[in-house]
Amino acid sequence: MKLYYSPGACSLASHIALVESGEPYEKTKVDLASHETENGEDFRTISPRGYVPAIQTDDMGLLTENPAVLTYIANATTKLENHADHYKRLEWLGFVGTEIHGAFGPLFGGAEGEAKEKAKAKVADKFSMAETLMDGREWLVGDNPTVADNYLFVTTLWADKFGIDLPQSLQDFRARNLERPAVKQAMDEEGLS
């Protein structure tokens, strides 16, 4: 597999999953502002959407969008969990992508003043909902981290970037993830440590 990523973007969740899998992979950095890869290619010729993550696979070709990319990596590189856990993982991927990641949109778009404060409050509300949905569990699905945990973890890093207070349980969640060897390696590879 070949991962197209941008340091600290949501593609970090896929990068962590690939490291954790132990399977071989390649990676190519993408500058999201210029849509240029580190090799000088126009990324839009590779992926018309122009954003990450994107993975080039042998069997499916190019895949984009976090729910598809993360599910593909999980299914291709790990033992499949039980039926209920599979759907719970998809439920979390949908929530993190739609509700939390989506709420960051105005902040990444450069919102200022009152619009910025409203966006930060909305993101904080979504994190509060995540805390409620986690119901005291350490991981989102089952007893170990999954690709859904990777995605939620990345959004907790963004909270720091924008000065959004996290509930204590999500601060603890972020700290647990920062201790995972795959997270450390992926962050090192992206120059984030």
N, C-alpha and C. Protein backbone atom coordinates (compact mmCIF):
# COMPACT_ATOMS: atom_id res chain seq x y z
N MET A 1 0.84 -1.18 0.00
CA MET A 1 0.00 0.00 0.00
C MET A 1 0.88 1.24 0.00
N LYS A 2 0.35 2.28 -0.60
CA LYS A 2 1.04 3.57 -0.61
C LYS A 2 0.09 4.60 -0.02
N LEU A 3 0.54 5.28 1.03
CA LEU A 3 -0.26 6.29 1.70
C LEU A 3 0.16 7.68 1.25
N TYR A 4 -0.82 8.47 0.87
CA TYR A 4 -0.61 9.89 0.63
C TYR A 4 -1.09 10.61 1.87
N TYR A 5 -0.20 11.42 2.47
CA TYR A 5 -0.50 12.04 3.76
C TYR A 5 -0.01 13.48 3.79
N SER A 6 -0.50 14.21 4.77
CA SER A 6 0.03 15.53 5.09
C SER A 6 0.27 15.53 6.60
N PRO A 7 1.44 15.97 7.05
CA PRO A 7 1.76 15.88 8.46
C PRO A 7 0.70 16.51 9.37
N GLY A 8 0.22 15.69 10.32
CA GLY A 8 -0.76 16.16 11.30
C GLY A 8 -2.19 16.22 10.81
N ALA A 9 -2.40 15.94 9.53
CA ALA A 9 -3.77 15.93 9.00
C ALA A 9 -4.47 14.64 9.42
N CYS A 10 -5.71 14.48 9.04
CA CYS A 10 -6.46 13.28 9.42
C CYS A 10 -5.83 12.01 8.86
N SER A 11 -4.97 12.13 7.88
CA SER A 11 -4.25 10.97 7.34
C SER A 11 -3.32 10.34 8.36
N LEU A 12 -3.01 11.06 9.45
CA LEU A 12 -2.19 10.49 10.51
C LEU A 12 -2.86 9.24 11.08
N ALA A 13 -4.18 9.20 11.12
CA ALA A 13 -4.89 8.02 11.62
C ALA A 13 -4.57 6.79 10.76
N SER A 14 -4.54 6.96 9.47
CA SER A 14 -4.19 5.86 8.55
C SER A 14 -2.72 5.48 8.70
N HIS A 15 -1.88 6.48 8.86
CA HIS A 15 -0.45 6.24 9.03
C HIS A 15 -0.21 5.38 10.27
N ILE A 16 -0.87 5.73 11.38
CA ILE A 16 -0.75 4.94 12.61
C ILE A 16 -1.19 3.50 12.36
N ALA A 17 -2.31 3.33 11.67
CA ALA A 17 -2.83 1.98 11.40
C ALA A 17 -1.85 1.16 10.57
N LEU A 18 -1.22 1.80 9.60
CA LEU A 18 -0.25 1.08 8.77
C LEU A 18 0.98 0.69 9.58
N VAL A 19 1.47 1.59 10.41
CA VAL A 19 2.62 1.25 11.26
C VAL A 19 2.24 0.09 12.17
N GLU A 20 1.07 0.19 12.80
CA GLU A 20 0.64 -0.83 13.74
C GLU A 20 0.46 -2.19 13.08
N SER A 21 0.11 -2.20 11.82
CA SER A 21 -0.14 -3.46 11.12
C SER A 21 1.14 -4.29 10.95
N GLY A 22 2.28 -3.61 10.89
CA GLY A 22 3.53 -4.32 10.64
C GLY A 22 3.72 -4.69 9.18
N GLU A 23 2.74 -4.38 8.35
CA GLU A 23 2.83 -4.67 6.92
C GLU A 23 3.66 -3.59 6.22
N PRO A 24 4.33 -3.94 5.11
CA PRO A 24 5.11 -2.93 4.40
C PRO A 24 4.18 -1.89 3.74
N TYR A 25 4.64 -0.66 3.72
CA TYR A 25 3.89 0.40 3.05
C TYR A 25 4.86 1.48 2.61
N GLU A 26 4.42 2.24 1.66
CA GLU A 26 5.16 3.43 1.22
C GLU A 26 4.34 4.64 1.63
N LYS A 27 4.98 5.78 1.69
CA LYS A 27 4.24 7.00 2.00
C LYS A 27 4.78 8.15 1.15
N THR A 28 3.89 9.03 0.77
CA THR A 28 4.26 10.21 0.01
C THR A 28 3.58 11.41 0.65
N LYS A 29 4.38 12.40 1.00
CA LYS A 29 3.87 13.62 1.64
C LYS A 29 3.23 14.52 0.59
N VAL A 30 2.11 15.13 0.99
CA VAL A 30 1.37 16.03 0.11
C VAL A 30 1.26 17.40 0.80
N ASP A 31 1.59 18.45 0.07
CA ASP A 31 1.37 19.82 0.55
C ASP A 31 -0.06 20.18 0.16
N LEU A 32 -0.92 20.30 1.15
CA LEU A 32 -2.34 20.53 0.86
C LEU A 32 -2.62 21.93 0.33
N ALA A 33 -1.74 22.87 0.59
CA ALA A 33 -1.93 24.23 0.07
C ALA A 33 -1.66 24.29 -1.43
N SER A 34 -0.58 23.62 -1.86
CA SER A 34 -0.21 23.66 -3.28
C SER A 34 -0.72 22.45 -4.06
N HIS A 35 -1.21 21.43 -3.34
CA HIS A 35 -1.65 20.16 -3.94
C HIS A 35 -0.51 19.48 -4.69
N GLU A 36 0.69 19.62 -4.15
CA GLU A 36 1.86 19.02 -4.77
C GLU A 36 2.46 17.98 -3.84
N THR A 37 2.86 16.84 -4.42
CA THR A 37 3.51 15.81 -3.61
C THR A 37 4.96 16.18 -3.40
N GLU A 38 5.59 15.48 -2.48
CA GLU A 38 7.01 15.73 -2.22
C GLU A 38 7.87 15.42 -3.44
N ASN A 39 7.33 14.68 -4.41
CA ASN A 39 8.04 14.35 -5.65
C ASN A 39 7.76 15.36 -6.76
N GLY A 40 6.97 16.40 -6.45
CA GLY A 40 6.66 17.42 -7.44
C GLY A 40 5.46 17.13 -8.32
N GLU A 41 4.74 16.05 -8.02
CA GLU A 41 3.55 15.73 -8.81
C GLU A 41 2.35 16.57 -8.36
N ASP A 42 1.46 16.86 -9.29
CA ASP A 42 0.20 17.51 -8.95
C ASP A 42 -0.69 16.43 -8.32
N PHE A 43 -0.96 16.55 -7.03
CA PHE A 43 -1.72 15.53 -6.32
C PHE A 43 -3.12 15.35 -6.89
N ARG A 44 -3.68 16.40 -7.48
CA ARG A 44 -5.03 16.29 -8.06
C ARG A 44 -5.06 15.35 -9.26
N THR A 45 -3.90 15.08 -9.88
CA THR A 45 -3.89 14.09 -10.96
C THR A 45 -3.90 12.67 -10.39
N ILE A 46 -3.51 12.53 -9.13
CA ILE A 46 -3.56 11.24 -8.45
C ILE A 46 -4.93 11.05 -7.82
N SER A 47 -5.39 12.08 -7.13
CA SER A 47 -6.69 12.06 -6.47
C SER A 47 -7.42 13.36 -6.78
N PRO A 48 -8.44 13.32 -7.63
CA PRO A 48 -9.16 14.54 -7.98
C PRO A 48 -9.73 15.30 -6.78
N ARG A 49 -9.96 14.60 -5.67
CA ARG A 49 -10.48 15.29 -4.48
C ARG A 49 -9.44 16.27 -3.92
N GLY A 50 -8.17 15.95 -4.09
CA GLY A 50 -7.11 16.86 -3.69
C GLY A 50 -6.80 16.90 -2.21
N TYR A 51 -7.35 15.96 -1.43
CA TYR A 51 -7.04 15.94 -0.01
C TYR A 51 -6.71 14.53 0.44
N VAL A 52 -6.15 14.46 1.64
CA VAL A 52 -5.71 13.19 2.21
C VAL A 52 -6.70 12.76 3.29
N PRO A 53 -6.71 11.47 3.64
CA PRO A 53 -5.83 10.42 3.18
C PRO A 53 -6.27 9.87 1.83
N ALA A 54 -5.29 9.29 1.16
CA ALA A 54 -5.55 8.49 -0.03
C ALA A 54 -4.55 7.34 0.04
N ILE A 55 -5.01 6.15 -0.30
CA ILE A 55 -4.09 5.02 -0.37
C ILE A 55 -4.24 4.34 -1.72
N GLN A 56 -3.09 3.98 -2.26
CA GLN A 56 -3.05 3.21 -3.50
C GLN A 56 -2.93 1.75 -3.10
N THR A 57 -3.90 0.95 -3.53
CA THR A 57 -3.91 -0.47 -3.17
C THR A 57 -3.73 -1.31 -4.42
N ASP A 58 -3.28 -2.54 -4.24
CA ASP A 58 -3.12 -3.44 -5.37
C ASP A 58 -4.46 -3.92 -5.91
N ASP A 59 -5.42 -4.13 -5.01
CA ASP A 59 -6.68 -4.74 -5.43
C ASP A 59 -7.80 -3.75 -5.71
N MET A 60 -7.80 -2.58 -5.07
CA MET A 60 -8.90 -1.64 -5.22
C MET A 60 -8.52 -0.38 -5.97
N GLY A 61 -7.25 -0.22 -6.27
CA GLY A 61 -6.80 1.04 -6.85
C GLY A 61 -6.71 2.10 -5.76
N LEU A 62 -7.02 3.34 -6.11
CA LEU A 62 -6.94 4.44 -5.16
C LEU A 62 -8.21 4.51 -4.32
N LEU A 63 -8.03 4.59 -3.01
CA LEU A 63 -9.15 4.79 -2.09
C LEU A 63 -8.94 6.11 -1.36
N THR A 64 -10.03 6.83 -1.17
CA THR A 64 -10.00 8.08 -0.41
C THR A 64 -11.12 8.05 0.62
N GLU A 65 -11.16 9.07 1.45
CA GLU A 65 -12.15 9.26 2.51
C GLU A 65 -11.85 8.36 3.70
N ASN A 66 -11.73 8.96 4.86
CA ASN A 66 -11.32 8.25 6.06
C ASN A 66 -12.11 6.97 6.35
N PRO A 67 -13.43 6.97 6.31
CA PRO A 67 -14.12 5.72 6.62
C PRO A 67 -13.71 4.57 5.71
N ALA A 68 -13.53 4.84 4.43
CA ALA A 68 -13.13 3.79 3.49
C ALA A 68 -11.67 3.40 3.70
N VAL A 69 -10.80 4.38 3.81
CA VAL A 69 -9.37 4.11 3.95
C VAL A 69 -9.08 3.36 5.25
N LEU A 70 -9.62 3.86 6.35
CA LEU A 70 -9.36 3.22 7.64
C LEU A 70 -9.96 1.82 7.71
N THR A 71 -11.15 1.64 7.17
CA THR A 71 -11.77 0.31 7.16
C THR A 71 -10.97 -0.64 6.29
N TYR A 72 -10.52 -0.17 5.13
CA TYR A 72 -9.71 -1.02 4.26
C TYR A 72 -8.44 -1.47 4.97
N ILE A 73 -7.73 -0.52 5.59
CA ILE A 73 -6.50 -0.87 6.29
C ILE A 73 -6.78 -1.87 7.39
N ALA A 74 -7.82 -1.62 8.17
CA ALA A 74 -8.15 -2.53 9.27
C ALA A 74 -8.46 -3.93 8.74
N ASN A 75 -9.24 -4.01 7.69
CA ASN A 75 -9.63 -5.32 7.15
C ASN A 75 -8.47 -6.02 6.45
N ALA A 76 -7.59 -5.25 5.84
CA ALA A 76 -6.48 -5.84 5.08
C ALA A 76 -5.31 -6.26 5.97
N THR A 77 -5.20 -5.66 7.14
CA THR A 77 -3.98 -5.87 7.92
C THR A 77 -4.20 -6.45 9.32
N THR A 78 -5.43 -6.61 9.75
CA THR A 78 -5.67 -7.12 11.10
C THR A 78 -6.69 -8.23 11.06
N LYS A 79 -6.73 -8.98 12.15
CA LYS A 79 -7.77 -10.00 12.29
C LYS A 79 -9.11 -9.27 12.46
N LEU A 80 -10.09 -9.69 11.71
CA LEU A 80 -11.40 -9.04 11.82
C LEU A 80 -12.01 -9.28 13.18
N GLU A 81 -12.57 -8.22 13.74
CA GLU A 81 -13.24 -8.35 15.02
C GLU A 81 -14.61 -8.98 14.82
N ASN A 82 -15.30 -9.21 15.90
CA ASN A 82 -16.62 -9.82 15.77
C ASN A 82 -17.58 -8.86 15.04
N HIS A 83 -18.68 -9.40 14.64
CA HIS A 83 -19.67 -8.68 13.82
C HIS A 83 -20.10 -7.36 14.48
N ALA A 84 -20.45 -7.40 15.76
CA ALA A 84 -20.92 -6.20 16.45
C ALA A 84 -19.82 -5.14 16.52
N ASP A 85 -18.58 -5.56 16.81
CA ASP A 85 -17.48 -4.60 16.89
C ASP A 85 -17.22 -3.92 15.55
N HIS A 86 -17.37 -4.66 14.47
CA HIS A 86 -17.18 -4.08 13.14
C HIS A 86 -18.13 -2.89 12.94
N TYR A 87 -19.38 -3.09 13.27
CA TYR A 87 -20.36 -2.02 13.06
C TYR A 87 -20.19 -0.89 14.07
N LYS A 88 -19.76 -1.19 15.27
CA LYS A 88 -19.47 -0.14 16.26
C LYS A 88 -18.29 0.70 15.79
N ARG A 89 -17.28 0.04 15.21
CA ARG A 89 -16.13 0.79 14.67
C ARG A 89 -16.60 1.72 13.55
N LEU A 90 -17.44 1.23 12.67
CA LEU A 90 -17.96 2.08 11.59
C LEU A 90 -18.79 3.23 12.16
N GLU A 91 -19.55 2.96 13.20
CA GLU A 91 -20.34 4.01 13.84
C GLU A 91 -19.42 5.12 14.37
N TRP A 92 -18.34 4.73 15.03
CA TRP A 92 -17.40 5.72 15.55
C TRP A 92 -16.70 6.47 14.42
N LEU A 93 -16.32 5.76 13.35
CA LEU A 93 -15.69 6.45 12.21
C LEU A 93 -16.63 7.52 11.65
N GLY A 94 -17.91 7.18 11.56
CA GLY A 94 -18.90 8.15 11.07
C GLY A 94 -19.02 9.34 12.00
N PHE A 95 -19.09 9.08 13.31
CA PHE A 95 -19.24 10.17 14.28
C PHE A 95 -18.01 11.08 14.28
N VAL A 96 -16.83 10.49 14.34
CA VAL A 96 -15.61 11.31 14.38
C VAL A 96 -15.50 12.11 13.09
N GLY A 97 -15.74 11.46 11.94
CA GLY A 97 -15.60 12.16 10.67
C GLY A 97 -16.63 13.24 10.44
N THR A 98 -17.86 12.92 10.70
CA THR A 98 -18.94 13.86 10.41
C THR A 98 -19.08 14.93 11.47
N GLU A 99 -19.13 14.51 12.71
CA GLU A 99 -19.41 15.45 13.79
C GLU A 99 -18.18 16.20 14.28
N ILE A 100 -17.12 15.48 14.63
CA ILE A 100 -15.95 16.16 15.21
C ILE A 100 -15.09 16.79 14.12
N HIS A 101 -14.63 15.97 13.16
CA HIS A 101 -13.79 16.51 12.09
C HIS A 101 -14.53 17.61 11.35
N GLY A 102 -15.79 17.37 11.04
CA GLY A 102 -16.58 18.37 10.32
C GLY A 102 -16.70 19.68 11.08
N ALA A 103 -16.80 19.61 12.41
CA ALA A 103 -16.94 20.82 13.21
C ALA A 103 -15.67 21.68 13.19
N PHE A 104 -14.54 21.07 12.88
CA PHE A 104 -13.29 21.82 12.79
C PHE A 104 -13.20 22.65 11.50
N GLY A 105 -14.08 22.40 10.54
CA GLY A 105 -14.02 23.06 9.23
C GLY A 105 -13.80 24.57 9.29
N PRO A 106 -14.62 25.32 10.03
CA PRO A 106 -14.41 26.77 10.07
C PRO A 106 -13.04 27.17 10.64
N LEU A 107 -12.54 26.37 11.57
CA LEU A 107 -11.24 26.69 12.17
C LEU A 107 -10.12 26.49 11.16
N PHE A 108 -10.18 25.38 10.43
CA PHE A 108 -9.17 25.16 9.39
C PHE A 108 -9.34 26.16 8.25
N GLY A 109 -10.56 26.68 8.09
CA GLY A 109 -10.82 27.67 7.05
C GLY A 109 -10.44 29.08 7.43
N GLY A 110 -9.90 29.26 8.64
CA GLY A 110 -9.42 30.58 9.05
C GLY A 110 -10.45 31.46 9.72
N ALA A 111 -11.52 30.88 10.29
CA ALA A 111 -12.53 31.68 10.98
C ALA A 111 -11.87 32.57 12.02
N GLU A 112 -12.43 33.76 12.17
CA GLU A 112 -11.90 34.71 13.15
C GLU A 112 -13.04 35.27 13.99
N GLY A 113 -12.67 35.91 15.08
CA GLY A 113 -13.64 36.60 15.93
C GLY A 113 -14.74 35.70 16.43
N GLU A 114 -15.96 36.18 16.32
CA GLU A 114 -17.12 35.46 16.83
C GLU A 114 -17.31 34.11 16.13
N ALA A 115 -17.05 34.06 14.83
CA ALA A 115 -17.19 32.80 14.09
C ALA A 115 -16.22 31.75 14.62
N LYS A 116 -15.02 32.18 14.97
CA LYS A 116 -14.02 31.26 15.51
C LYS A 116 -14.48 30.74 16.88
N GLU A 117 -14.97 31.62 17.71
CA GLU A 117 -15.41 31.21 19.05
C GLU A 117 -16.61 30.27 18.96
N LYS A 118 -17.53 30.53 18.04
CA LYS A 118 -18.68 29.63 17.85
C LYS A 118 -18.21 28.26 17.39
N ALA A 119 -17.26 28.23 16.47
CA ALA A 119 -16.74 26.95 15.97
C ALA A 119 -16.05 26.19 17.09
N LYS A 120 -15.26 26.87 17.89
CA LYS A 120 -14.58 26.22 19.01
C LYS A 120 -15.59 25.64 20.00
N ALA A 121 -16.66 26.38 20.27
CA ALA A 121 -17.70 25.89 21.18
C ALA A 121 -18.39 24.66 20.61
N LYS A 122 -18.62 24.67 19.30
CA LYS A 122 -19.25 23.51 18.66
C LYS A 122 -18.36 22.28 18.75
N VAL A 123 -17.07 22.46 18.49
CA VAL A 123 -16.13 21.34 18.59
C VAL A 123 -16.11 20.82 20.03
N ALA A 124 -16.06 21.71 21.00
CA ALA A 124 -16.05 21.31 22.41
C ALA A 124 -17.30 20.51 22.74
N ASP A 125 -18.45 20.91 22.20
CA ASP A 125 -19.70 20.15 22.43
C ASP A 125 -19.60 18.75 21.84
N LYS A 126 -18.99 18.63 20.67
CA LYS A 126 -18.84 17.31 20.04
C LYS A 126 -17.92 16.41 20.86
N PHE A 127 -16.85 17.00 21.43
CA PHE A 127 -15.98 16.21 22.29
C PHE A 127 -16.71 15.78 23.57
N SER A 128 -17.57 16.64 24.08
CA SER A 128 -18.37 16.26 25.25
C SER A 128 -19.29 15.09 24.92
N MET A 129 -19.84 15.11 23.72
CA MET A 129 -20.69 13.99 23.28
C MET A 129 -19.85 12.72 23.16
N ALA A 130 -18.64 12.84 22.62
CA ALA A 130 -17.77 11.67 22.52
C ALA A 130 -17.50 11.09 23.90
N GLU A 131 -17.25 11.95 24.86
CA GLU A 131 -17.01 11.48 26.23
C GLU A 131 -18.23 10.70 26.74
N THR A 132 -19.41 11.23 26.50
CA THR A 132 -20.64 10.55 26.91
C THR A 132 -20.76 9.20 26.23
N LEU A 133 -20.50 9.16 24.93
CA LEU A 133 -20.62 7.92 24.17
C LEU A 133 -19.58 6.87 24.58
N MET A 134 -18.42 7.33 25.01
CA MET A 134 -17.38 6.40 25.46
C MET A 134 -17.77 5.72 26.77
N ASP A 135 -18.59 6.38 27.55
CA ASP A 135 -19.16 5.79 28.76
C ASP A 135 -18.09 5.18 29.68
N GLY A 136 -16.97 5.90 29.85
CA GLY A 136 -15.93 5.46 30.77
C GLY A 136 -14.95 4.44 30.22
N ARG A 137 -15.15 4.00 28.97
CA ARG A 137 -14.22 3.02 28.39
C ARG A 137 -12.91 3.70 27.99
N GLU A 138 -11.83 2.91 28.00
CA GLU A 138 -10.53 3.45 27.58
C GLU A 138 -10.44 3.56 26.07
N TRP A 139 -11.05 2.63 25.34
CA TRP A 139 -10.99 2.60 23.88
C TRP A 139 -12.41 2.62 23.33
N LEU A 140 -12.56 3.02 22.09
CA LEU A 140 -13.89 3.20 21.52
C LEU A 140 -14.65 1.90 21.32
N VAL A 141 -13.94 0.86 20.88
CA VAL A 141 -14.57 -0.43 20.59
C VAL A 141 -13.70 -1.54 21.17
N GLY A 142 -14.22 -2.30 22.07
CA GLY A 142 -13.46 -3.41 22.63
C GLY A 142 -12.40 -2.97 23.61
N ASP A 143 -11.44 -3.85 23.81
CA ASP A 143 -10.41 -3.64 24.83
C ASP A 143 -9.09 -3.08 24.30
N ASN A 144 -9.02 -2.85 23.00
CA ASN A 144 -7.79 -2.37 22.39
C ASN A 144 -8.11 -1.26 21.39
N PRO A 145 -7.12 -0.43 21.08
CA PRO A 145 -7.36 0.63 20.10
C PRO A 145 -7.62 0.07 18.71
N THR A 146 -8.46 0.77 17.97
CA THR A 146 -8.77 0.43 16.58
C THR A 146 -8.48 1.66 15.72
N VAL A 147 -8.74 1.55 14.44
CA VAL A 147 -8.56 2.69 13.55
C VAL A 147 -9.47 3.86 13.95
N ALA A 148 -10.59 3.57 14.57
CA ALA A 148 -11.48 4.65 15.03
C ALA A 148 -10.80 5.44 16.15
N ASP A 149 -10.09 4.75 17.03
CA ASP A 149 -9.33 5.45 18.07
C ASP A 149 -8.26 6.33 17.45
N ASN A 150 -7.61 5.84 16.40
CA ASN A 150 -6.60 6.65 15.72
C ASN A 150 -7.20 7.96 15.24
N TYR A 151 -8.38 7.88 14.65
CA TYR A 151 -9.02 9.07 14.09
C TYR A 151 -9.41 10.05 15.19
N LEU A 152 -10.04 9.54 16.26
CA LEU A 152 -10.40 10.42 17.37
C LEU A 152 -9.15 11.05 17.98
N PHE A 153 -8.09 10.27 18.12
CA PHE A 153 -6.84 10.78 18.66
C PHE A 153 -6.34 11.98 17.85
N VAL A 154 -6.33 11.87 16.54
CA VAL A 154 -5.85 12.97 15.70
C VAL A 154 -6.64 14.23 15.98
N THR A 155 -7.96 14.10 16.14
CA THR A 155 -8.77 15.29 16.40
C THR A 155 -8.45 15.89 17.77
N THR A 156 -8.00 15.06 18.73
CA THR A 156 -7.62 15.63 20.03
C THR A 156 -6.34 16.45 19.90
N LEU A 157 -5.49 16.09 18.96
CA LEU A 157 -4.29 16.91 18.69
C LEU A 157 -4.70 18.27 18.13
N TRP A 158 -5.70 18.25 17.26
CA TRP A 158 -6.19 19.52 16.69
C TRP A 158 -6.78 20.41 17.77
N ALA A 159 -7.42 19.81 18.78
CA ALA A 159 -7.99 20.60 19.87
C ALA A 159 -6.90 21.45 20.51
N ASP A 160 -5.73 20.87 20.74
CA ASP A 160 -4.61 21.63 21.30
C ASP A 160 -4.23 22.78 20.37
N LYS A 161 -4.17 22.48 19.09
CA LYS A 161 -3.76 23.49 18.10
C LYS A 161 -4.66 24.72 18.16
N PHE A 162 -5.96 24.50 18.38
CA PHE A 162 -6.92 25.60 18.36
C PHE A 162 -7.35 26.06 19.75
N GLY A 163 -6.70 25.53 20.80
CA GLY A 163 -7.02 25.98 22.15
C GLY A 163 -8.39 25.56 22.64
N ILE A 164 -8.79 24.35 22.29
CA ILE A 164 -10.09 23.83 22.71
C ILE A 164 -9.86 22.90 23.90
N ASP A 165 -10.54 23.18 25.00
CA ASP A 165 -10.41 22.34 26.19
C ASP A 165 -11.12 21.02 25.96
N LEU A 166 -10.42 19.95 26.31
CA LEU A 166 -10.99 18.60 26.22
C LEU A 166 -11.46 18.15 27.58
N PRO A 167 -12.53 17.35 27.62
CA PRO A 167 -12.89 16.72 28.89
C PRO A 167 -11.71 15.88 29.38
N GLN A 168 -11.60 15.71 30.70
CA GLN A 168 -10.47 14.98 31.28
C GLN A 168 -10.32 13.59 30.68
N SER A 169 -11.43 12.89 30.45
CA SER A 169 -11.34 11.53 29.91
C SER A 169 -10.71 11.53 28.52
N LEU A 170 -10.93 12.57 27.73
CA LEU A 170 -10.31 12.64 26.40
C LEU A 170 -8.86 13.12 26.49
N GLN A 171 -8.53 13.89 27.51
CA GLN A 171 -7.12 14.20 27.74
C GLN A 171 -6.37 12.91 28.09
N ASP A 172 -7.00 12.08 28.91
CA ASP A 172 -6.40 10.78 29.27
C ASP A 172 -6.30 9.87 28.05
N PHE A 173 -7.34 9.89 27.21
CA PHE A 173 -7.35 9.11 25.96
C PHE A 173 -6.18 9.53 25.07
N ARG A 174 -5.99 10.84 24.93
CA ARG A 174 -4.89 11.36 24.11
C ARG A 174 -3.55 10.90 24.69
N ALA A 175 -3.40 10.99 26.01
CA ALA A 175 -2.15 10.58 26.67
C ALA A 175 -1.88 9.09 26.45
N ARG A 176 -2.92 8.24 26.53
CA ARG A 176 -2.74 6.80 26.28
C ARG A 176 -2.26 6.56 24.86
N ASN A 177 -2.84 7.29 23.93
CA ASN A 177 -2.45 7.12 22.53
C ASN A 177 -1.02 7.58 22.29
N LEU A 178 -0.62 8.65 22.92
CA LEU A 178 0.73 9.17 22.74
C LEU A 178 1.79 8.19 23.23
N GLU A 179 1.40 7.22 24.05
CA GLU A 179 2.34 6.20 24.54
C GLU A 179 2.41 4.97 23.63
N ARG A 180 1.50 4.86 22.68
CA ARG A 180 1.50 3.70 21.78
C ARG A 180 2.69 3.77 20.83
N PRO A 181 3.45 2.69 20.68
CA PRO A 181 4.61 2.70 19.78
C PRO A 181 4.26 3.10 18.34
N ALA A 182 3.15 2.64 17.82
CA ALA A 182 2.77 2.98 16.44
C ALA A 182 2.48 4.47 16.29
N VAL A 183 1.88 5.05 17.30
CA VAL A 183 1.59 6.49 17.27
C VAL A 183 2.90 7.27 17.29
N LYS A 184 3.81 6.87 18.17
CA LYS A 184 5.11 7.54 18.24
C LYS A 184 5.84 7.45 16.91
N GLN A 185 5.85 6.27 16.31
CA GLN A 185 6.56 6.09 15.05
C GLN A 185 5.94 6.93 13.94
N ALA A 186 4.62 6.88 13.81
CA ALA A 186 3.96 7.64 12.74
C ALA A 186 4.19 9.14 12.93
N MET A 187 4.10 9.61 14.17
CA MET A 187 4.34 11.03 14.42
C MET A 187 5.79 11.41 14.13
N ASP A 188 6.73 10.53 14.48
CA ASP A 188 8.13 10.76 14.14
C ASP A 188 8.32 10.85 12.62
N GLU A 189 7.72 9.90 11.91
CA GLU A 189 7.85 9.88 10.45
C GLU A 189 7.25 11.11 9.80
N GLU A 190 6.26 11.73 10.46
CA GLU A 190 5.64 12.94 9.91
C GLU A 190 6.27 14.22 10.46
N GLY A 191 7.30 14.05 11.29
CA GLY A 191 7.98 15.23 11.85
C GLY A 191 7.16 15.96 12.90
N LEU A 192 6.33 15.23 13.62
CA LEU A 192 5.43 15.83 14.60
C LEU A 192 5.88 15.67 16.04
N SER A 193 7.02 15.04 16.27
CA SER A 193 7.45 14.82 17.65
C SER A 193 8.43 15.87 18.10
